[in-house]
mmCIF file of all heavy atoms, coordinates in Angstrom:
data_MODEL
# 
_entry.id   MODEL 
# 
loop_
_atom_site.group_PDB 
_atom_site.id 
_atom_site.type_symbol 
_atom_site.label_atom_id 
_atom_site.label_alt_id 
_atom_site.label_comp_id 
_atom_site.label_asym_id 
_atom_site.label_entity_id 
_atom_site.label_seq_id 
_atom_site.pdbx_PDB_ins_code 
_atom_site.Cartn_x 
_atom_site.Cartn_y 
_atom_site.Cartn_z 
_atom_site.occupancy 
_atom_site.B_iso_or_equiv 
_atom_site.pdbx_formal_charge 
_atom_site.auth_seq_id 
_atom_site.auth_comp_id 
_atom_site.auth_asym_id 
_atom_site.auth_atom_id 
_atom_site.pdbx_PDB_model_num 
ATOM 1   N N   . ASP A 1 1  ? -78.654 -89.988 110.652 1.00 0.00 ? 1  ASP A N   1 
ATOM 2   C CA  . ASP A 1 1  ? -79.630 -90.943 111.183 1.00 0.00 ? 1  ASP A CA  1 
ATOM 3   C C   . ASP A 1 1  ? -78.985 -92.239 111.661 1.00 0.00 ? 1  ASP A C   1 
ATOM 4   O O   . ASP A 1 1  ? -79.678 -93.209 111.956 1.00 0.00 ? 1  ASP A O   1 
ATOM 5   C CB  . ASP A 1 1  ? -80.706 -91.242 110.139 1.00 0.00 ? 1  ASP A CB  1 
ATOM 6   C CG  . ASP A 1 1  ? -80.140 -91.819 108.845 1.00 0.00 ? 1  ASP A CG  1 
ATOM 7   O OD1 . ASP A 1 1  ? -78.900 -91.938 108.741 1.00 0.00 ? 1  ASP A OD1 1 
ATOM 8   O OD2 . ASP A 1 1  ? -80.936 -92.139 107.933 1.00 0.00 ? 1  ASP A OD2 1 
ATOM 9   N N   . ASP A 1 2  ? -77.659 -92.255 111.743 1.00 0.00 ? 2  ASP A N   1 
ATOM 10  C CA  . ASP A 1 2  ? -76.931 -93.431 112.226 1.00 0.00 ? 2  ASP A CA  1 
ATOM 11  C C   . ASP A 1 2  ? -76.595 -93.229 113.701 1.00 0.00 ? 2  ASP A C   1 
ATOM 12  O O   . ASP A 1 2  ? -75.727 -92.420 114.042 1.00 0.00 ? 2  ASP A O   1 
ATOM 13  C CB  . ASP A 1 2  ? -75.655 -93.622 111.416 1.00 0.00 ? 2  ASP A CB  1 
ATOM 14  C CG  . ASP A 1 2  ? -74.881 -94.877 111.821 1.00 0.00 ? 2  ASP A CG  1 
ATOM 15  O OD1 . ASP A 1 2  ? -75.203 -95.465 112.866 1.00 0.00 ? 2  ASP A OD1 1 
ATOM 16  O OD2 . ASP A 1 2  ? -73.949 -95.254 111.096 1.00 0.00 ? 2  ASP A OD2 1 
ATOM 17  N N   . PRO A 1 3  ? -77.268 -93.937 114.602 1.00 0.00 ? 3  PRO A N   1 
ATOM 18  C CA  . PRO A 1 3  ? -77.068 -93.686 116.040 1.00 0.00 ? 3  PRO A CA  1 
ATOM 19  C C   . PRO A 1 3  ? -75.684 -94.085 116.551 1.00 0.00 ? 3  PRO A C   1 
ATOM 20  O O   . PRO A 1 3  ? -75.277 -93.658 117.626 1.00 0.00 ? 3  PRO A O   1 
ATOM 21  C CB  . PRO A 1 3  ? -78.154 -94.540 116.705 1.00 0.00 ? 3  PRO A CB  1 
ATOM 22  C CG  . PRO A 1 3  ? -78.451 -95.621 115.716 1.00 0.00 ? 3  PRO A CG  1 
ATOM 23  C CD  . PRO A 1 3  ? -78.273 -94.988 114.358 1.00 0.00 ? 3  PRO A CD  1 
ATOM 24  N N   . THR A 1 4  ? -74.945 -94.896 115.778 1.00 0.00 ? 4  THR A N   1 
ATOM 25  C CA  . THR A 1 4  ? -73.613 -95.308 116.233 1.00 0.00 ? 4  THR A CA  1 
ATOM 26  C C   . THR A 1 4  ? -72.501 -94.440 115.648 1.00 0.00 ? 4  THR A C   1 
ATOM 27  O O   . THR A 1 4  ? -71.332 -94.616 116.001 1.00 0.00 ? 4  THR A O   1 
ATOM 28  C CB  . THR A 1 4  ? -73.349 -96.779 115.880 1.00 0.00 ? 4  THR A CB  1 
ATOM 29  O OG1 . THR A 1 4  ? -73.368 -96.940 114.463 1.00 0.00 ? 4  THR A OG1 1 
ATOM 30  C CG2 . THR A 1 4  ? -74.393 -97.685 116.509 1.00 0.00 ? 4  THR A CG2 1 
ATOM 31  N N   . ALA A 1 5  ? -72.835 -93.522 114.742 1.00 0.00 ? 5  ALA A N   1 
ATOM 32  C CA  . ALA A 1 5  ? -71.825 -92.621 114.193 1.00 0.00 ? 5  ALA A CA  1 
ATOM 33  C C   . ALA A 1 5  ? -71.466 -91.573 115.246 1.00 0.00 ? 5  ALA A C   1 
ATOM 34  O O   . ALA A 1 5  ? -72.338 -91.003 115.907 1.00 0.00 ? 5  ALA A O   1 
ATOM 35  C CB  . ALA A 1 5  ? -72.341 -91.943 112.930 1.00 0.00 ? 5  ALA A CB  1 
ATOM 36  N N   . VAL A 1 6  ? -70.170 -91.316 115.395 1.00 0.00 ? 6  VAL A N   1 
ATOM 37  C CA  . VAL A 1 6  ? -69.701 -90.376 116.420 1.00 0.00 ? 6  VAL A CA  1 
ATOM 38  C C   . VAL A 1 6  ? -69.561 -88.975 115.857 1.00 0.00 ? 6  VAL A C   1 
ATOM 39  O O   . VAL A 1 6  ? -69.872 -87.992 116.525 1.00 0.00 ? 6  VAL A O   1 
ATOM 40  C CB  . VAL A 1 6  ? -68.357 -90.855 117.002 1.00 0.00 ? 6  VAL A CB  1 
ATOM 41  C CG1 . VAL A 1 6  ? -67.846 -89.894 118.066 1.00 0.00 ? 6  VAL A CG1 1 
ATOM 42  C CG2 . VAL A 1 6  ? -68.512 -92.259 117.591 1.00 0.00 ? 6  VAL A CG2 1 
ATOM 43  N N   . VAL A 1 7  ? -69.067 -88.877 114.609 1.00 0.00 ? 7  VAL A N   1 
ATOM 44  C CA  . VAL A 1 7  ? -68.920 -87.565 113.975 1.00 0.00 ? 7  VAL A CA  1 
ATOM 45  C C   . VAL A 1 7  ? -69.666 -87.569 112.653 1.00 0.00 ? 7  VAL A C   1 
ATOM 46  O O   . VAL A 1 7  ? -69.925 -88.623 112.056 1.00 0.00 ? 7  VAL A O   1 
ATOM 47  C CB  . VAL A 1 7  ? -67.434 -87.199 113.744 1.00 0.00 ? 7  VAL A CB  1 
ATOM 48  C CG1 . VAL A 1 7  ? -66.674 -87.185 115.060 1.00 0.00 ? 7  VAL A CG1 1 
ATOM 49  C CG2 . VAL A 1 7  ? -66.764 -88.146 112.749 1.00 0.00 ? 7  VAL A CG2 1 
ATOM 50  N N   . ASP A 1 8  ? -69.997 -86.362 112.188 1.00 0.00 ? 8  ASP A N   1 
ATOM 51  C CA  . ASP A 1 8  ? -70.666 -86.245 110.891 1.00 0.00 ? 8  ASP A CA  1 
ATOM 52  C C   . ASP A 1 8  ? -69.631 -86.033 109.793 1.00 0.00 ? 8  ASP A C   1 
ATOM 53  O O   . ASP A 1 8  ? -68.425 -86.134 110.024 1.00 0.00 ? 8  ASP A O   1 
ATOM 54  C CB  . ASP A 1 8  ? -71.701 -85.117 110.927 1.00 0.00 ? 8  ASP A CB  1 
ATOM 55  C CG  . ASP A 1 8  ? -71.073 -83.743 111.193 1.00 0.00 ? 8  ASP A CG  1 
ATOM 56  O OD1 . ASP A 1 8  ? -69.838 -83.590 111.055 1.00 0.00 ? 8  ASP A OD1 1 
ATOM 57  O OD2 . ASP A 1 8  ? -71.827 -82.808 111.529 1.00 0.00 ? 8  ASP A OD2 1 
ATOM 58  N N   . GLY A 1 9  ? -70.078 -85.730 108.601 1.00 0.00 ? 9  GLY A N   1 
ATOM 59  C CA  . GLY A 1 9  ? -69.175 -85.567 107.480 1.00 0.00 ? 9  GLY A CA  1 
ATOM 60  C C   . GLY A 1 9  ? -68.251 -84.373 107.585 1.00 0.00 ? 9  GLY A C   1 
ATOM 61  O O   . GLY A 1 9  ? -67.266 -84.278 106.846 1.00 0.00 ? 9  GLY A O   1 
ATOM 62  N N   . GLU A 1 10 ? -68.540 -83.470 108.510 1.00 0.00 ? 10 GLU A N   1 
ATOM 63  C CA  . GLU A 1 10 ? -67.647 -82.337 108.771 1.00 0.00 ? 10 GLU A CA  1 
ATOM 64  C C   . GLU A 1 10 ? -66.763 -82.601 109.988 1.00 0.00 ? 10 GLU A C   1 
ATOM 65  O O   . GLU A 1 10 ? -66.097 -81.702 110.475 1.00 0.00 ? 10 GLU A O   1 
ATOM 66  C CB  . GLU A 1 10 ? -68.457 -81.054 108.964 1.00 0.00 ? 10 GLU A CB  1 
ATOM 67  C CG  . GLU A 1 10 ? -69.183 -80.605 107.698 1.00 0.00 ? 10 GLU A CG  1 
ATOM 68  C CD  . GLU A 1 10 ? -69.896 -79.274 107.885 1.00 0.00 ? 10 GLU A CD  1 
ATOM 69  O OE1 . GLU A 1 10 ? -70.257 -78.947 109.044 1.00 0.00 ? 10 GLU A OE1 1 
ATOM 70  O OE2 . GLU A 1 10 ? -70.060 -78.565 106.885 1.00 0.00 ? 10 GLU A OE2 1 
ATOM 71  N N   . LEU A 1 11 ? -66.804 -83.835 110.484 1.00 0.00 ? 11 LEU A N   1 
ATOM 72  C CA  . LEU A 1 11 ? -65.994 -84.296 111.612 1.00 0.00 ? 11 LEU A CA  1 
ATOM 73  C C   . LEU A 1 11 ? -66.428 -83.705 112.943 1.00 0.00 ? 11 LEU A C   1 
ATOM 74  O O   . LEU A 1 11 ? -65.686 -83.781 113.929 1.00 0.00 ? 11 LEU A O   1 
ATOM 75  C CB  . LEU A 1 11 ? -64.498 -84.033 111.365 1.00 0.00 ? 11 LEU A CB  1 
ATOM 76  C CG  . LEU A 1 11 ? -63.940 -84.551 110.041 1.00 0.00 ? 11 LEU A CG  1 
ATOM 77  C CD1 . LEU A 1 11 ? -62.434 -84.296 109.960 1.00 0.00 ? 11 LEU A CD1 1 
ATOM 78  C CD2 . LEU A 1 11 ? -64.243 -86.024 109.851 1.00 0.00 ? 11 LEU A CD2 1 
ATOM 79  N N   . LYS A 1 12 ? -67.610 -83.130 112.989 1.00 0.00 ? 12 LYS A N   1 
ATOM 80  C CA  . LYS A 1 12 ? -68.138 -82.565 114.233 1.00 0.00 ? 12 LYS A CA  1 
ATOM 81  C C   . LYS A 1 12 ? -68.717 -83.676 115.102 1.00 0.00 ? 12 LYS A C   1 
ATOM 82  O O   . LYS A 1 12 ? -69.454 -84.542 114.616 1.00 0.00 ? 12 LYS A O   1 
ATOM 83  C CB  . LYS A 1 12 ? -69.230 -81.541 113.931 1.00 0.00 ? 12 LYS A CB  1 
ATOM 84  C CG  . LYS A 1 12 ? -68.726 -80.298 113.189 1.00 0.00 ? 12 LYS A CG  1 
ATOM 85  C CD  . LYS A 1 12 ? -69.873 -79.338 112.888 1.00 0.00 ? 12 LYS A CD  1 
ATOM 86  C CE  . LYS A 1 12 ? -69.381 -78.089 112.173 1.00 0.00 ? 12 LYS A CE  1 
ATOM 87  N NZ  . LYS A 1 12 ? -70.501 -77.181 111.842 1.00 0.00 ? 12 LYS A NZ  1 
ATOM 88  N N   . VAL A 1 13 ? -68.410 -83.640 116.383 1.00 0.00 ? 13 VAL A N   1 
ATOM 89  C CA  . VAL A 1 13 ? -68.909 -84.634 117.321 1.00 0.00 ? 13 VAL A CA  1 
ATOM 90  C C   . VAL A 1 13 ? -70.379 -84.367 117.606 1.00 0.00 ? 13 VAL A C   1 
ATOM 91  O O   . VAL A 1 13 ? -70.776 -83.233 117.919 1.00 0.00 ? 13 VAL A O   1 
ATOM 92  C CB  . VAL A 1 13 ? -68.099 -84.614 118.625 1.00 0.00 ? 13 VAL A CB  1 
ATOM 93  C CG1 . VAL A 1 13 ? -68.685 -85.587 119.650 1.00 0.00 ? 13 VAL A CG1 1 
ATOM 94  C CG2 . VAL A 1 13 ? -66.636 -84.961 118.348 1.00 0.00 ? 13 VAL A CG2 1 
ATOM 95  N N   . ARG A 1 14 ? -71.176 -85.392 117.512 1.00 0.00 ? 14 ARG A N   1 
ATOM 96  C CA  . ARG A 1 14 ? -72.614 -85.236 117.723 1.00 0.00 ? 14 ARG A CA  1 
ATOM 97  C C   . ARG A 1 14 ? -72.906 -84.913 119.194 1.00 0.00 ? 14 ARG A C   1 
ATOM 98  O O   . ARG A 1 14 ? -72.359 -85.545 120.093 1.00 0.00 ? 14 ARG A O   1 
ATOM 99  C CB  . ARG A 1 14 ? -73.344 -86.510 117.327 1.00 0.00 ? 14 ARG A CB  1 
ATOM 100 C CG  . ARG A 1 14 ? -73.073 -86.901 115.872 1.00 0.00 ? 14 ARG A CG  1 
ATOM 101 C CD  . ARG A 1 14 ? -73.953 -88.041 115.426 1.00 0.00 ? 14 ARG A CD  1 
ATOM 102 N NE  . ARG A 1 14 ? -73.579 -88.510 114.101 1.00 0.00 ? 14 ARG A NE  1 
ATOM 103 C CZ  . ARG A 1 14 ? -73.874 -87.901 112.961 1.00 0.00 ? 14 ARG A CZ  1 
ATOM 104 N NH1 . ARG A 1 14 ? -74.547 -86.760 112.980 1.00 0.00 ? 14 ARG A NH1 1 
ATOM 105 N NH2 . ARG A 1 14 ? -73.501 -88.419 111.798 1.00 0.00 ? 14 ARG A NH2 1 
ATOM 106 N N   . GLY A 1 15 ? -73.741 -83.919 119.402 1.00 0.00 ? 15 GLY A N   1 
ATOM 107 C CA  . GLY A 1 15 ? -74.187 -83.591 120.745 1.00 0.00 ? 15 GLY A CA  1 
ATOM 108 C C   . GLY A 1 15 ? -73.277 -82.650 121.506 1.00 0.00 ? 15 GLY A C   1 
ATOM 109 O O   . GLY A 1 15 ? -73.613 -82.250 122.627 1.00 0.00 ? 15 GLY A O   1 
ATOM 110 N N   . VAL A 1 16 ? -72.132 -82.281 120.943 1.00 0.00 ? 16 VAL A N   1 
ATOM 111 C CA  . VAL A 1 16 ? -71.214 -81.348 121.601 1.00 0.00 ? 16 VAL A CA  1 
ATOM 112 C C   . VAL A 1 16 ? -70.743 -80.331 120.569 1.00 0.00 ? 16 VAL A C   1 
ATOM 113 O O   . VAL A 1 16 ? -70.114 -80.698 119.572 1.00 0.00 ? 16 VAL A O   1 
ATOM 114 C CB  . VAL A 1 16 ? -69.992 -82.062 122.213 1.00 0.00 ? 16 VAL A CB  1 
ATOM 115 C CG1 . VAL A 1 16 ? -69.098 -81.055 122.933 1.00 0.00 ? 16 VAL A CG1 1 
ATOM 116 C CG2 . VAL A 1 16 ? -70.427 -83.163 123.167 1.00 0.00 ? 16 VAL A CG2 1 
ATOM 117 N N   . ASP A 1 17 ? -71.040 -79.064 120.779 1.00 0.00 ? 17 ASP A N   1 
ATOM 118 C CA  . ASP A 1 17 ? -70.585 -78.029 119.860 1.00 0.00 ? 17 ASP A CA  1 
ATOM 119 C C   . ASP A 1 17 ? -69.098 -77.751 120.064 1.00 0.00 ? 17 ASP A C   1 
ATOM 120 O O   . ASP A 1 17 ? -68.541 -77.994 121.136 1.00 0.00 ? 17 ASP A O   1 
ATOM 121 C CB  . ASP A 1 17 ? -71.375 -76.731 120.078 1.00 0.00 ? 17 ASP A CB  1 
ATOM 122 C CG  . ASP A 1 17 ? -72.849 -76.862 119.723 1.00 0.00 ? 17 ASP A CG  1 
ATOM 123 O OD1 . ASP A 1 17 ? -73.160 -77.694 118.845 1.00 0.00 ? 17 ASP A OD1 1 
ATOM 124 O OD2 . ASP A 1 17 ? -73.676 -76.149 120.329 1.00 0.00 ? 17 ASP A OD2 1 
ATOM 125 N N   . GLY A 1 18 ? -68.461 -77.223 119.022 1.00 0.00 ? 18 GLY A N   1 
ATOM 126 C CA  . GLY A 1 18 ? -67.072 -76.800 119.137 1.00 0.00 ? 18 GLY A CA  1 
ATOM 127 C C   . GLY A 1 18 ? -66.073 -77.930 119.301 1.00 0.00 ? 18 GLY A C   1 
ATOM 128 O O   . GLY A 1 18 ? -64.966 -77.706 119.791 1.00 0.00 ? 18 GLY A O   1 
ATOM 129 N N   . LEU A 1 19 ? -66.431 -79.142 118.860 1.00 0.00 ? 19 LEU A N   1 
ATOM 130 C CA  . LEU A 1 19 ? -65.562 -80.307 119.048 1.00 0.00 ? 19 LEU A CA  1 
ATOM 131 C C   . LEU A 1 19 ? -65.548 -81.143 117.775 1.00 0.00 ? 19 LEU A C   1 
ATOM 132 O O   . LEU A 1 19 ? -66.603 -81.510 117.250 1.00 0.00 ? 19 LEU A O   1 
ATOM 133 C CB  . LEU A 1 19 ? -66.050 -81.153 120.220 1.00 0.00 ? 19 LEU A CB  1 
ATOM 134 C CG  . LEU A 1 19 ? -65.238 -82.397 120.593 1.00 0.00 ? 19 LEU A CG  1 
ATOM 135 C CD1 . LEU A 1 19 ? -63.822 -82.026 121.006 1.00 0.00 ? 19 LEU A CD1 1 
ATOM 136 C CD2 . LEU A 1 19 ? -65.932 -83.181 121.708 1.00 0.00 ? 19 LEU A CD2 1 
ATOM 137 N N   . ARG A 1 20 ? -64.351 -81.410 117.274 1.00 0.00 ? 20 ARG A N   1 
ATOM 138 C CA  . ARG A 1 20 ? -64.198 -82.272 116.100 1.00 0.00 ? 20 ARG A CA  1 
ATOM 139 C C   . ARG A 1 20 ? -63.105 -83.308 116.351 1.00 0.00 ? 20 ARG A C   1 
ATOM 140 O O   . ARG A 1 20 ? -62.239 -83.124 117.204 1.00 0.00 ? 20 ARG A O   1 
ATOM 141 C CB  . ARG A 1 20 ? -63.818 -81.468 114.849 1.00 0.00 ? 20 ARG A CB  1 
ATOM 142 C CG  . ARG A 1 20 ? -64.822 -80.429 114.446 1.00 0.00 ? 20 ARG A CG  1 
ATOM 143 C CD  . ARG A 1 20 ? -64.548 -79.900 113.063 1.00 0.00 ? 20 ARG A CD  1 
ATOM 144 N NE  . ARG A 1 20 ? -65.041 -78.542 112.919 1.00 0.00 ? 20 ARG A NE  1 
ATOM 145 C CZ  . ARG A 1 20 ? -65.601 -78.032 111.838 1.00 0.00 ? 20 ARG A CZ  1 
ATOM 146 N NH1 . ARG A 1 20 ? -65.763 -78.790 110.776 1.00 0.00 ? 20 ARG A NH1 1 
ATOM 147 N NH2 . ARG A 1 20 ? -65.996 -76.773 111.793 1.00 0.00 ? 20 ARG A NH2 1 
ATOM 148 N N   . VAL A 1 21 ? -63.149 -84.375 115.548 1.00 0.00 ? 21 VAL A N   1 
ATOM 149 C CA  . VAL A 1 21 ? -62.110 -85.397 115.564 1.00 0.00 ? 21 VAL A CA  1 
ATOM 150 C C   . VAL A 1 21 ? -61.414 -85.348 114.208 1.00 0.00 ? 21 VAL A C   1 
ATOM 151 O O   . VAL A 1 21 ? -62.081 -85.266 113.164 1.00 0.00 ? 21 VAL A O   1 
ATOM 152 C CB  . VAL A 1 21 ? -62.687 -86.796 115.817 1.00 0.00 ? 21 VAL A CB  1 
ATOM 153 C CG1 . VAL A 1 21 ? -61.572 -87.832 115.880 1.00 0.00 ? 21 VAL A CG1 1 
ATOM 154 C CG2 . VAL A 1 21 ? -63.489 -86.805 117.113 1.00 0.00 ? 21 VAL A CG2 1 
ATOM 155 N N   . ILE A 1 22 ? -60.072 -85.387 114.193 1.00 0.00 ? 22 ILE A N   1 
ATOM 156 C CA  . ILE A 1 22 ? -59.352 -85.152 112.944 1.00 0.00 ? 22 ILE A CA  1 
ATOM 157 C C   . ILE A 1 22 ? -58.303 -86.230 112.652 1.00 0.00 ? 22 ILE A C   1 
ATOM 158 O O   . ILE A 1 22 ? -57.354 -85.978 111.910 1.00 0.00 ? 22 ILE A O   1 
ATOM 159 C CB  . ILE A 1 22 ? -58.684 -83.761 112.949 1.00 0.00 ? 22 ILE A CB  1 
ATOM 160 C CG1 . ILE A 1 22 ? -57.654 -83.648 114.090 1.00 0.00 ? 22 ILE A CG1 1 
ATOM 161 C CG2 . ILE A 1 22 ? -59.732 -82.662 113.069 1.00 0.00 ? 22 ILE A CG2 1 
ATOM 162 C CD1 . ILE A 1 22 ? -56.770 -82.415 113.981 1.00 0.00 ? 22 ILE A CD1 1 
ATOM 163 N N   . ASP A 1 23 ? -58.438 -87.420 113.214 1.00 0.00 ? 23 ASP A N   1 
ATOM 164 C CA  . ASP A 1 23 ? -57.440 -88.466 112.973 1.00 0.00 ? 23 ASP A CA  1 
ATOM 165 C C   . ASP A 1 23 ? -58.090 -89.721 112.391 1.00 0.00 ? 23 ASP A C   1 
ATOM 166 O O   . ASP A 1 23 ? -59.262 -89.716 112.024 1.00 0.00 ? 23 ASP A O   1 
ATOM 167 C CB  . ASP A 1 23 ? -56.644 -88.764 114.247 1.00 0.00 ? 23 ASP A CB  1 
ATOM 168 C CG  . ASP A 1 23 ? -57.519 -89.275 115.386 1.00 0.00 ? 23 ASP A CG  1 
ATOM 169 O OD1 . ASP A 1 23 ? -58.630 -89.779 115.126 1.00 0.00 ? 23 ASP A OD1 1 
ATOM 170 O OD2 . ASP A 1 23 ? -57.098 -89.169 116.551 1.00 0.00 ? 23 ASP A OD2 1 
ATOM 171 N N   . CYS A 1 24 ? -57.331 -90.818 112.327 1.00 0.00 ? 24 CYS A N   1 
ATOM 172 C CA  . CYS A 1 24 ? -57.812 -92.043 111.678 1.00 0.00 ? 24 CYS A CA  1 
ATOM 173 C C   . CYS A 1 24 ? -58.960 -92.711 112.413 1.00 0.00 ? 24 CYS A C   1 
ATOM 174 O O   . CYS A 1 24 ? -59.578 -93.642 111.872 1.00 0.00 ? 24 CYS A O   1 
ATOM 175 C CB  . CYS A 1 24 ? -56.662 -93.033 111.515 1.00 0.00 ? 24 CYS A CB  1 
ATOM 176 S SG  . CYS A 1 24 ? -55.462 -92.578 110.251 1.00 0.00 ? 24 CYS A SG  1 
# 
């Protein structure tokens, strides 16, 4: 529910499937 968060707790990018961020 945080509109400024880019990834969730599983590092998945919101709004795009198959994409994660894994760095600092």
